[in-house]
Amino acid sequence: MISLIYFILCSYGLTQILCFAKFFDKIRPPYYIFSCPMCMGFWVGIFLFCINPSTELFNYEYNFVNAMLLGWLSSGTSYVLNMLFCDNGFNIGINNEEKK
């Protein structure tokens, strides 16, 4: 279970860096995939799965199904965490329809 948490946190962190770090602004391609945490999160999950034998944080059996599952997990959790947290802390939005 702890390896799953490590995987999620690593995928979220790498996705945030690739999508939003100022350091990459000059070299980040202008394509949507490079600014979308859900899209980039999927490919980060696949990347982390591929380097999985090189780390002791998580270790998943090397097969196609696990690659897809971890890509989807990374995509979903990166998106959710990105929606929950922003540079100013918790991202709590109020829908104008709810005010009425």
PDB file of N, CA and C in Angstrom:
ATOM      1  N   MET A   1       0.821  -1.202   0.000  1.00  0.00           N
ATOM      2  CA  MET A   1       0.000   0.000   0.000  1.00  0.00           C
ATOM      3  C   MET A   1       0.861   1.261   0.000  1.00  0.00           C
ATOM      4  N   ILE A   2       1.948   1.243   0.784  1.00  0.00           N
ATOM      5  CA  ILE A   2       2.806   2.428   0.864  1.00  0.00           C
ATOM      6  C   ILE A   2       3.474   2.695  -0.488  1.00  0.00           C
ATOM      7  N   SER A   3       3.780   1.626  -1.240  1.00  0.00           N
ATOM      8  CA  SER A   3       4.397   1.831  -2.553  1.00  0.00           C
ATOM      9  C   SER A   3       3.423   2.522  -3.506  1.00  0.00           C
ATOM     10  N   LEU A   4       2.135   2.272  -3.335  1.00  0.00           N
ATOM     11  CA  LEU A   4       1.122   2.945  -4.151  1.00  0.00           C
ATOM     12  C   LEU A   4       1.075   4.440  -3.830  1.00  0.00           C
ATOM     13  N   ILE A   5       1.194   4.783  -2.569  1.00  0.00           N
ATOM     14  CA  ILE A   5       1.227   6.196  -2.163  1.00  0.00           C
ATOM     15  C   ILE A   5       2.471   6.875  -2.713  1.00  0.00           C
ATOM     16  N   TYR A   6       3.614   6.193  -2.638  1.00  0.00           N
ATOM     17  CA  TYR A   6       4.850   6.732  -3.217  1.00  0.00           C
ATOM     18  C   TYR A   6       4.684   6.971  -4.713  1.00  0.00           C
ATOM     19  N   PHE A   7       4.081   6.012  -5.407  1.00  0.00           N
ATOM     20  CA  PHE A   7       3.871   6.150  -6.848  1.00  0.00           C
ATOM     21  C   PHE A   7       3.000   7.368  -7.156  1.00  0.00           C
ATOM     22  N   ILE A   8       1.903   7.517  -6.418  1.00  0.00           N
ATOM     23  CA  ILE A   8       0.990   8.638  -6.635  1.00  0.00           C
ATOM     24  C   ILE A   8       1.682   9.971  -6.373  1.00  0.00           C
ATOM     25  N   LEU A   9       2.427  10.062  -5.286  1.00  0.00           N
ATOM     26  CA  LEU A   9       3.114  11.317  -4.960  1.00  0.00           C
ATOM     27  C   LEU A   9       4.210  11.637  -5.969  1.00  0.00           C
ATOM     28  N   CYS A  10       4.944  10.626  -6.412  1.00  0.00           N
ATOM     29  CA  CYS A  10       5.974  10.850  -7.435  1.00  0.00           C
ATOM     30  C   CYS A  10       5.356  11.287  -8.751  1.00  0.00           C
ATOM     31  N   SER A  11       4.264  10.656  -9.131  1.00  0.00           N
ATOM     32  CA  SER A  11       3.629  11.026 -10.401  1.00  0.00           C
ATOM     33  C   SER A  11       3.039  12.432 -10.326  1.00  0.00           C
ATOM     34  N   TYR A  12       2.446  12.783  -9.195  1.00  0.00           N
ATOM     35  CA  TYR A  12       1.905  14.136  -9.037  1.00  0.00           C
ATOM     36  C   TYR A  12       3.031  15.168  -9.087  1.00  0.00           C
ATOM     37  N   GLY A  13       4.095  14.918  -8.371  1.00  0.00           N
ATOM     38  CA  GLY A  13       5.211  15.865  -8.346  1.00  0.00           C
ATOM     39  C   GLY A  13       5.835  16.068  -9.714  1.00  0.00           C
ATOM     40  N   LEU A  14       6.097  14.979 -10.416  1.00  0.00           N
ATOM     41  CA  LEU A  14       6.707  15.097 -11.746  1.00  0.00           C
ATOM     42  C   LEU A  14       5.754  15.758 -12.729  1.00  0.00           C
ATOM     43  N   THR A  15       4.479  15.438 -12.646  1.00  0.00           N
ATOM     44  CA  THR A  15       3.488  16.075 -13.519  1.00  0.00           C
ATOM     45  C   THR A  15       3.442  17.576 -13.283  1.00  0.00           C
ATOM     46  N   GLN A  16       3.439  17.995 -12.028  1.00  0.00           N
ATOM     47  CA  GLN A  16       3.421  19.428 -11.705  1.00  0.00           C
ATOM     48  C   GLN A  16       4.651  20.128 -12.268  1.00  0.00           C
ATOM     49  N   ILE A  17       5.804  19.512 -12.099  1.00  0.00           N
ATOM     50  CA  ILE A  17       7.043  20.107 -12.605  1.00  0.00           C
ATOM     51  C   ILE A  17       7.002  20.250 -14.123  1.00  0.00           C
ATOM     52  N   LEU A  18       6.608  19.186 -14.803  1.00  0.00           N
ATOM     53  CA  LEU A  18       6.591  19.228 -16.274  1.00  0.00           C
ATOM     54  C   LEU A  18       5.546  20.189 -16.825  1.00  0.00           C
ATOM     55  N   CYS A  19       4.401  20.297 -16.165  1.00  0.00           N
ATOM     56  CA  CYS A  19       3.320  21.163 -16.677  1.00  0.00           C
ATOM     57  C   CYS A  19       3.479  22.628 -16.283  1.00  0.00           C
ATOM     58  N   PHE A  20       3.992  22.894 -15.082  1.00  0.00           N
ATOM     59  CA  PHE A  20       3.892  24.252 -14.562  1.00  0.00           C
ATOM     60  C   PHE A  20       5.193  24.916 -14.109  1.00  0.00           C
ATOM     61  N   ALA A  21       6.298  24.200 -14.055  1.00  0.00           N
ATOM     62  CA  ALA A  21       7.543  24.802 -13.564  1.00  0.00           C
ATOM     63  C   ALA A  21       8.028  25.901 -14.502  1.00  0.00           C
ATOM     64  N   LYS A  22       8.317  27.048 -13.950  1.00  0.00           N
ATOM     65  CA  LYS A  22       8.818  28.186 -14.742  1.00  0.00           C
ATOM     66  C   LYS A  22      10.116  27.830 -15.459  1.00  0.00           C
ATOM     67  N   PHE A  23      10.882  26.949 -14.855  1.00  0.00           N
ATOM     68  CA  PHE A  23      12.156  26.525 -15.422  1.00  0.00           C
ATOM     69  C   PHE A  23      11.998  25.990 -16.851  1.00  0.00           C
ATOM     70  N   PHE A  24      10.886  25.327 -17.126  1.00  0.00           N
ATOM     71  CA  PHE A  24      10.660  24.720 -18.442  1.00  0.00           C
ATOM     72  C   PHE A  24       9.877  25.604 -19.402  1.00  0.00           C
ATOM     73  N   ASP A  25       9.518  26.813 -19.004  1.00  0.00           N
ATOM     74  CA  ASP A  25       8.693  27.672 -19.859  1.00  0.00           C
ATOM     75  C   ASP A  25       9.292  27.890 -21.244  1.00  0.00           C
ATOM     76  N   LYS A  26      10.591  28.090 -21.335  1.00  0.00           N
ATOM     77  CA  LYS A  26      11.217  28.394 -22.624  1.00  0.00           C
ATOM     78  C   LYS A  26      11.339  27.170 -23.528  1.00  0.00           C
ATOM     79  N   ILE A  27      11.364  25.977 -22.942  1.00  0.00           N
ATOM     80  CA  ILE A  27      11.541  24.776 -23.768  1.00  0.00           C
ATOM     81  C   ILE A  27      10.280  23.914 -23.855  1.00  0.00           C
ATOM     82  N   ARG A  28       9.249  24.244 -23.068  1.00  0.00           N
ATOM     83  CA  ARG A  28       8.011  23.464 -23.085  1.00  0.00           C
ATOM     84  C   ARG A  28       7.282  23.700 -24.407  1.00  0.00           C
ATOM     85  N   PRO A  29       6.996  22.629 -25.157  1.00  0.00           N
ATOM     86  CA  PRO A  29       6.260  22.795 -26.421  1.00  0.00           C
ATOM     87  C   PRO A  29       4.865  23.382 -26.170  1.00  0.00           C
ATOM     88  N   PRO A  30       4.318  24.111 -27.140  1.00  0.00           N
ATOM     89  CA  PRO A  30       3.033  24.782 -26.945  1.00  0.00           C
ATOM     90  C   PRO A  30       1.819  23.851 -27.111  1.00  0.00           C
ATOM     91  N   TYR A  31       2.037  22.546 -27.100  1.00  0.00           N
ATOM     92  CA  TYR A  31       0.925  21.609 -27.276  1.00  0.00           C
ATOM     93  C   TYR A  31       0.155  21.433 -25.982  1.00  0.00           C
ATOM     94  N   TYR A  32      -1.131  21.151 -26.116  1.00  0.00           N
ATOM     95  CA  TYR A  32      -2.030  21.019 -24.968  1.00  0.00           C
ATOM     96  C   TYR A  32      -1.550  19.989 -23.953  1.00  0.00           C
ATOM     97  N   ILE A  33      -1.010  18.891 -24.444  1.00  0.00           N
ATOM     98  CA  ILE A  33      -0.583  17.803 -23.554  1.00  0.00           C
ATOM     99  C   ILE A  33       0.432  18.277 -22.512  1.00  0.00           C
ATOM    100  N   PHE A  34       1.214  19.295 -22.843  1.00  0.00           N
ATOM    101  CA  PHE A  34       2.249  19.774 -21.935  1.00  0.00           C
ATOM    102  C   PHE A  34       1.736  20.766 -20.896  1.00  0.00           C
ATOM    103  N   SER A  35       0.459  21.114 -20.962  1.00  0.00           N
ATOM    104  CA  SER A  35      -0.123  22.001 -19.949  1.00  0.00           C
ATOM    105  C   SER A  35      -1.319  21.364 -19.250  1.00  0.00           C
ATOM    106  N   CYS A  36      -1.613  20.136 -19.587  1.00  0.00           N
ATOM    107  CA  CYS A  36      -2.767  19.420 -19.023  1.00  0.00           C
ATOM    108  C   CYS A  36      -2.277  18.361 -18.034  1.00  0.00           C
ATOM    109  N   PRO A  37      -2.557  18.537 -16.734  1.00  0.00           N
ATOM    110  CA  PRO A  37      -2.077  17.554 -15.757  1.00  0.00           C
ATOM    111  C   PRO A  37      -2.683  16.165 -15.942  1.00  0.00           C
ATOM    112  N   MET A  38      -3.879  16.087 -16.529  1.00  0.00           N
ATOM    113  CA  MET A  38      -4.467  14.773 -16.763  1.00  0.00           C
ATOM    114  C   MET A  38      -3.724  14.054 -17.896  1.00  0.00           C
ATOM    115  N   CYS A  39      -3.466  14.774 -18.974  1.00  0.00           N
ATOM    116  CA  CYS A  39      -2.757  14.188 -20.119  1.00  0.00           C
ATOM    117  C   CYS A  39      -1.313  13.846 -19.759  1.00  0.00           C
ATOM    118  N   MET A  40      -0.616  14.827 -19.207  1.00  0.00           N
ATOM    119  CA  MET A  40       0.779  14.618 -18.838  1.00  0.00           C
ATOM    120  C   MET A  40       0.887  13.571 -17.733  1.00  0.00           C
ATOM    121  N   GLY A  41      -0.101  13.547 -16.834  1.00  0.00           N
ATOM    122  CA  GLY A  41      -0.099  12.564 -15.755  1.00  0.00           C
ATOM    123  C   GLY A  41      -0.097  11.136 -16.270  1.00  0.00           C
ATOM    124  N   PHE A  42      -0.831  10.886 -17.351  1.00  0.00           N
ATOM    125  CA  PHE A  42      -0.847   9.540 -17.934  1.00  0.00           C
ATOM    126  C   PHE A  42       0.550   9.141 -18.382  1.00  0.00           C
ATOM    127  N   TRP A  43       1.218  10.033 -19.130  1.00  0.00           N
ATOM    128  CA  TRP A  43       2.546   9.703 -19.653  1.00  0.00           C
ATOM    129  C   TRP A  43       3.585   9.644 -18.551  1.00  0.00           C
ATOM    130  N   VAL A  44       3.413  10.432 -17.507  1.00  0.00           N
ATOM    131  CA  VAL A  44       4.302  10.338 -16.348  1.00  0.00           C
ATOM    132  C   VAL A  44       4.126   8.975 -15.687  1.00  0.00           C
ATOM    133  N   GLY A  45       2.893   8.504 -15.560  1.00  0.00           N
ATOM    134  CA  GLY A  45       2.651   7.180 -14.992  1.00  0.00           C
ATOM    135  C   GLY A  45       3.308   6.079 -15.802  1.00  0.00           C
ATOM    136  N   ILE A  46       3.221   6.178 -17.120  1.00  0.00           N
ATOM    137  CA  ILE A  46       3.879   5.200 -17.994  1.00  0.00           C
ATOM    138  C   ILE A  46       5.391   5.274 -17.810  1.00  0.00           C
ATOM    139  N   PHE A  47       5.935   6.502 -17.754  1.00  0.00           N
ATOM    140  CA  PHE A  47       7.377   6.680 -17.548  1.00  0.00           C
ATOM    141  C   PHE A  47       7.825   6.066 -16.222  1.00  0.00           C
ATOM    142  N   LEU A  48       7.089   6.363 -15.147  1.00  0.00           N
ATOM    143  CA  LEU A  48       7.453   5.807 -13.844  1.00  0.00           C
ATOM    144  C   LEU A  48       7.358   4.283 -13.838  1.00  0.00           C
ATOM    145  N   PHE A  49       6.374   3.750 -14.537  1.00  0.00           N
ATOM    146  CA  PHE A  49       6.278   2.298 -14.660  1.00  0.00           C
ATOM    147  C   PHE A  49       7.513   1.748 -15.363  1.00  0.00           C
ATOM    148  N   CYS A  50       7.972   2.437 -16.402  1.00  0.00           N
ATOM    149  CA  CYS A  50       9.135   1.961 -17.163  1.00  0.00           C
ATOM    150  C   CYS A  50      10.427   1.999 -16.341  1.00  0.00           C
ATOM    151  N   ILE A  51      10.558   2.970 -15.438  1.00  0.00           N
ATOM    152  CA  ILE A  51      11.768   3.034 -14.609  1.00  0.00           C
ATOM    153  C   ILE A  51      11.584   2.297 -13.285  1.00  0.00           C
ATOM    154  N   ASN A  52      10.480   1.646 -13.114  1.00  0.00           N
ATOM    155  CA  ASN A  52      10.124   0.935 -11.907  1.00  0.00           C
ATOM    156  C   ASN A  52      11.198  -0.050 -11.437  1.00  0.00           C
ATOM    157  N   PRO A  53      11.945  -0.767 -12.310  1.00  0.00           N
ATOM    158  CA  PRO A  53      13.006  -1.641 -11.810  1.00  0.00           C
ATOM    159  C   PRO A  53      14.189  -0.884 -11.215  1.00  0.00           C
ATOM    160  N   SER A  54      14.294   0.412 -11.482  1.00  0.00           N
ATOM    161  CA  SER A  54      15.433   1.211 -11.020  1.00  0.00           C
ATOM    162  C   SER A  54      15.211   1.856  -9.660  1.00  0.00           C
ATOM    163  N   THR A  55      14.066   1.632  -9.049  1.00  0.00           N
ATOM    164  CA  THR A  55      13.772   2.277  -7.773  1.00  0.00           C
ATOM    165  C   THR A  55      13.326   1.247  -6.739  1.00  0.00           C
ATOM    166  N   GLU A  56      13.497   1.583  -5.490  1.00  0.00           N
ATOM    167  CA  GLU A  56      13.015   0.734  -4.408  1.00  0.00           C
ATOM    168  C   GLU A  56      11.725   1.292  -3.802  1.00  0.00           C
ATOM    169  N   LEU A  57      11.268   2.454  -4.293  1.00  0.00           N
ATOM    170  CA  LEU A  57      10.048   3.059  -3.752  1.00  0.00           C
ATOM    171  C   LEU A  57       8.806   2.263  -4.128  1.00  0.00           C
ATOM    172  N   PHE A  58       8.771   1.763  -5.350  1.00  0.00           N
ATOM    173  CA  PHE A  58       7.644   0.955  -5.805  1.00  0.00           C
ATOM    174  C   PHE A  58       8.165  -0.083  -6.783  1.00  0.00           C
ATOM    175  N   ASN A  59       7.497  -1.219  -6.829  1.00  0.00           N
ATOM    176  CA  ASN A  59       7.928  -2.299  -7.700  1.00  0.00           C
ATOM    177  C   ASN A  59       6.695  -3.043  -8.194  1.00  0.00           C
ATOM    178  N   TYR A  60       6.379  -2.858  -9.465  1.00  0.00           N
ATOM    179  CA  TYR A  60       5.217  -3.499 -10.065  1.00  0.00           C
ATOM    180  C   TYR A  60       5.670  -4.462 -11.147  1.00  0.00           C
ATOM    181  N   GLU A  61       4.933  -5.554 -11.278  1.00  0.00           N
ATOM    182  CA  GLU A  61       5.260  -6.533 -12.302  1.00  0.00           C
ATOM    183  C   GLU A  61       5.203  -5.864 -13.672  1.00  0.00           C
ATOM    184  N   TYR A  62       6.190  -6.202 -14.488  1.00  0.00           N
ATOM    185  CA  TYR A  62       6.339  -5.587 -15.800  1.00  0.00           C
ATOM    186  C   TYR A  62       5.402  -6.252 -16.808  1.00  0.00           C
ATOM    187  N   ASN A  63       4.229  -5.636 -17.052  1.00  0.00           N
ATOM    188  CA  ASN A  63       3.327  -6.129 -18.100  1.00  0.00           C
ATOM    189  C   ASN A  63       2.466  -4.964 -18.593  1.00  0.00           C
ATOM    190  N   PHE A  64       1.834  -5.180 -19.731  1.00  0.00           N
ATOM    191  CA  PHE A  64       1.060  -4.134 -20.388  1.00  0.00           C
ATOM    192  C   PHE A  64      -0.099  -3.643 -19.531  1.00  0.00           C
ATOM    193  N   VAL A  65      -0.794  -4.546 -18.879  1.00  0.00           N
ATOM    194  CA  VAL A  65      -1.957  -4.171 -18.071  1.00  0.00           C
ATOM    195  C   VAL A  65      -1.530  -3.264 -16.913  1.00  0.00           C
ATOM    196  N   ASN A  66      -0.454  -3.603 -16.234  1.00  0.00           N
ATOM    197  CA  ASN A  66       0.028  -2.742 -15.154  1.00  0.00           C
ATOM    198  C   ASN A  66       0.448  -1.374 -15.671  1.00  0.00           C
ATOM    199  N   ALA A  67       1.058  -1.332 -16.849  1.00  0.00           N
ATOM    200  CA  ALA A  67       1.453  -0.048 -17.437  1.00  0.00           C
ATOM    201  C   ALA A  67       0.235   0.841 -17.644  1.00  0.00           C
ATOM    202  N   MET A  68      -0.829   0.272 -18.206  1.00  0.00           N
ATOM    203  CA  MET A  68      -2.050   1.050 -18.439  1.00  0.00           C
ATOM    204  C   MET A  68      -2.701   1.472 -17.123  1.00  0.00           C
ATOM    205  N   LEU A  69      -2.815   0.553 -16.186  1.00  0.00           N
ATOM    206  CA  LEU A  69      -3.440   0.874 -14.902  1.00  0.00           C
ATOM    207  C   LEU A  69      -2.688   1.980 -14.171  1.00  0.00           C
ATOM    208  N   LEU A  70      -1.372   1.906 -14.181  1.00  0.00           N
ATOM    209  CA  LEU A  70      -0.590   2.938 -13.487  1.00  0.00           C
ATOM    210  C   LEU A  70      -0.632   4.267 -14.247  1.00  0.00           C
ATOM    211  N   GLY A  71      -0.720   4.221 -15.566  1.00  0.00           N
ATOM    212  CA  GLY A  71      -0.897   5.449 -16.341  1.00  0.00           C
ATOM    213  C   GLY A  71      -2.219   6.122 -16.005  1.00  0.00           C
ATOM    214  N   TRP A  72      -3.264   5.324 -15.917  1.00  0.00           N
ATOM    215  CA  TRP A  72      -4.592   5.862 -15.582  1.00  0.00           C
ATOM    216  C   TRP A  72      -4.624   6.383 -14.153  1.00  0.00           C
ATOM    217  N   LEU A  73      -4.010   5.632 -13.247  1.00  0.00           N
ATOM    218  CA  LEU A  73      -3.949   6.068 -11.846  1.00  0.00           C
ATOM    219  C   LEU A  73      -3.215   7.395 -11.725  1.00  0.00           C
ATOM    220  N   SER A  74      -2.089   7.493 -12.394  1.00  0.00           N
ATOM    221  CA  SER A  74      -1.308   8.719 -12.368  1.00  0.00           C
ATOM    222  C   SER A  74      -2.093   9.887 -12.970  1.00  0.00           C
ATOM    223  N   SER A  75      -2.770   9.647 -14.076  1.00  0.00           N
ATOM    224  CA  SER A  75      -3.562  10.683 -14.724  1.00  0.00           C
ATOM    225  C   SER A  75      -4.652  11.201 -13.802  1.00  0.00           C
ATOM    226  N   GLY A  76      -5.425  10.293 -13.249  1.00  0.00           N
ATOM    227  CA  GLY A  76      -6.542  10.681 -12.387  1.00  0.00           C
ATOM    228  C   GLY A  76      -6.104  11.374 -11.111  1.00  0.00           C
ATOM    229  N   THR A  77      -5.112  10.818 -10.440  1.00  0.00           N
ATOM    230  CA  THR A  77      -4.689  11.425  -9.178  1.00  0.00           C
ATOM    231  C   THR A  77      -3.953  12.739  -9.403  1.00  0.00           C
ATOM    232  N   SER A  78      -3.194  12.839 -10.486  1.00  0.00           N
ATOM    233  CA  SER A  78      -2.521  14.114 -10.780  1.00  0.00           C
ATOM    234  C   SER A  78      -3.552  15.205 -11.040  1.00  0.00           C
ATOM    235  N   TYR A  79      -4.605  14.863 -11.772  1.00  0.00           N
ATOM    236  CA  TYR A  79      -5.651  15.841 -12.058  1.00  0.00           C
ATOM    237  C   TYR A  79      -6.387  16.253 -10.777  1.00  0.00           C
ATOM    238  N   VAL A  80      -6.784  15.280  -9.979  1.00  0.00           N
ATOM    239  CA  VAL A  80      -7.520  15.575  -8.747  1.00  0.00           C
ATOM    240  C   VAL A  80      -6.672  16.413  -7.800  1.00  0.00           C
ATOM    241  N   LEU A  81      -5.416  16.020  -7.598  1.00  0.00           N
ATOM    242  CA  LEU A  81      -4.549  16.784  -6.701  1.00  0.00           C
ATOM    243  C   LEU A  81      -4.282  18.184  -7.245  1.00  0.00           C
ATOM    244  N   ASN A  82      -4.175  18.300  -8.566  1.00  0.00           N
ATOM    245  CA  ASN A  82      -3.989  19.616  -9.173  1.00  0.00           C
ATOM    246  C   ASN A  82      -5.212  20.505  -8.965  1.00  0.00           C
ATOM    247  N   MET A  83      -6.399  19.911  -8.983  1.00  0.00           N
ATOM    248  CA  MET A  83      -7.615  20.677  -8.748  1.00  0.00           C
ATOM    249  C   MET A  83      -7.774  21.054  -7.273  1.00  0.00           C
ATOM    250  N   LEU A  84      -7.234  20.243  -6.374  1.00  0.00           N
ATOM    251  CA  LEU A  84      -7.358  20.511  -4.938  1.00  0.00           C
ATOM    252  C   LEU A  84      -6.361  21.534  -4.415  1.00  0.00           C
ATOM    253  N   PHE A  85      -5.141  21.515  -4.953  1.00  0.00           N
ATOM    254  CA  PHE A  85      -4.086  22.379  -4.447  1.00  0.00           C
ATOM    255  C   PHE A  85      -3.597  23.325  -5.528  1.00  0.00           C
ATOM    256  N   CYS A  86      -3.306  24.565  -5.134  1.00  0.00           N
ATOM    257  CA  CYS A  86      -2.724  25.544  -6.050  1.00  0.00           C
ATOM    258  C   CYS A  86      -1.578  26.238  -5.321  1.00  0.00           C
ATOM    259  N   ASP A  87      -0.974  27.216  -5.940  1.00  0.00           N
ATOM    260  CA  ASP A  87       0.149  27.921  -5.327  1.00  0.00           C
ATOM    261  C   ASP A  87      -0.227  28.627  -4.033  1.00  0.00           C
ATOM    262  N   ASN A  88      -1.494  28.956  -3.875  1.00  0.00           N
ATOM    263  CA  ASN A  88      -1.940  29.672  -2.683  1.00  0.00           C
ATOM    264  C   ASN A  88      -2.555  28.757  -1.629  1.00  0.00           C
ATOM    265  N   GLY A  89      -2.416  27.446  -1.783  1.00  0.00           N
ATOM    266  CA  GLY A  89      -2.980  26.503  -0.824  1.00  0.00           C
ATOM    267  C   GLY A  89      -4.131  25.731  -1.428  1.00  0.00           C
ATOM    268  N   PHE A  90      -5.170  25.467  -0.631  1.00  0.00           N
ATOM    269  CA  PHE A  90      -6.327  24.732  -1.120  1.00  0.00           C
ATOM    270  C   PHE A  90      -7.064  25.550  -2.164  1.00  0.00           C
ATOM    271  N   ASN A  91      -7.439  24.902  -3.236  1.00  0.00           N
ATOM    272  CA  ASN A  91      -8.141  25.547  -4.335  1.00  0.00           C
ATOM    273  C   ASN A  91      -9.640  25.347  -4.125  1.00  0.00           C
ATOM    274  N   ILE A  92     -10.247  26.274  -3.416  1.00  0.00           N
ATOM    275  CA  ILE A  92     -11.672  26.167  -3.118  1.00  0.00           C
ATOM    276  C   ILE A  92     -12.409  27.212  -3.939  1.00  0.00           C
ATOM    277  N   GLY A  93     -13.155  26.754  -4.924  1.00  0.00           N
ATOM    278  CA  GLY A  93     -13.914  27.664  -5.773  1.00  0.00           C
ATOM    279  C   GLY A  93     -15.377  27.650  -5.386  1.00  0.00           C
ATOM    280  N   ILE A  94     -16.022  28.764  -5.570  1.00  0.00           N
ATOM    281  CA  ILE A  94     -17.446  28.864  -5.292  1.00  0.00           C
ATOM    282  C   ILE A  94     -18.159  29.082  -6.607  1.00  0.00           C
ATOM    283  N   ASN A  95     -19.084  28.214  -6.895  1.00  0.00           N
ATOM    284  CA  ASN A  95     -19.869  28.301  -8.114  1.00  0.00           C
ATOM    285  C   ASN A  95     -20.876  29.440  -7.950  1.00  0.00           C
ATOM    286  N   ASN A  96     -20.965  30.333  -8.916  1.00  0.00           N
ATOM    287  CA  ASN A  96     -21.896  31.456  -8.845  1.00  0.00           C
ATOM    288  C   ASN A  96     -23.339  31.004  -8.734  1.00  0.00           C
ATOM    289  N   GLU A  97     -23.677  29.861  -9.285  1.00  0.00           N
ATOM    290  CA  GLU A  97     -25.035  29.335  -9.208  1.00  0.00           C
ATOM    291  C   GLU A  97     -25.388  28.942  -7.772  1.00  0.00           C
ATOM    292  N   GLU A  98     -24.398  28.514  -7.002  1.00  0.00           N
ATOM    293  CA  GLU A  98     -24.660  28.091  -5.628  1.00  0.00           C
ATOM    294  C   GLU A  98     -24.943  29.281  -4.711  1.00  0.00           C
ATOM    295  N   LYS A  99     -24.485  30.467  -5.082  1.00  0.00           N
ATOM    296  CA  LYS A  99     -24.691  31.671  -4.250  1.00  0.00           C
ATOM    297  C   LYS A  99     -26.151  32.100  -4.218  1.00  0.00           C
ATOM    298  N   LYS A 100     -26.891  31.816  -5.281  1.00  0.00           N
ATOM    299  CA  LYS A 100     -28.274  32.303  -5.404  1.00  0.00           C
ATOM    300  C   LYS A 100     -29.224  31.577  -4.521  1.00  0.00           C
TER     301      LYS A 100
END
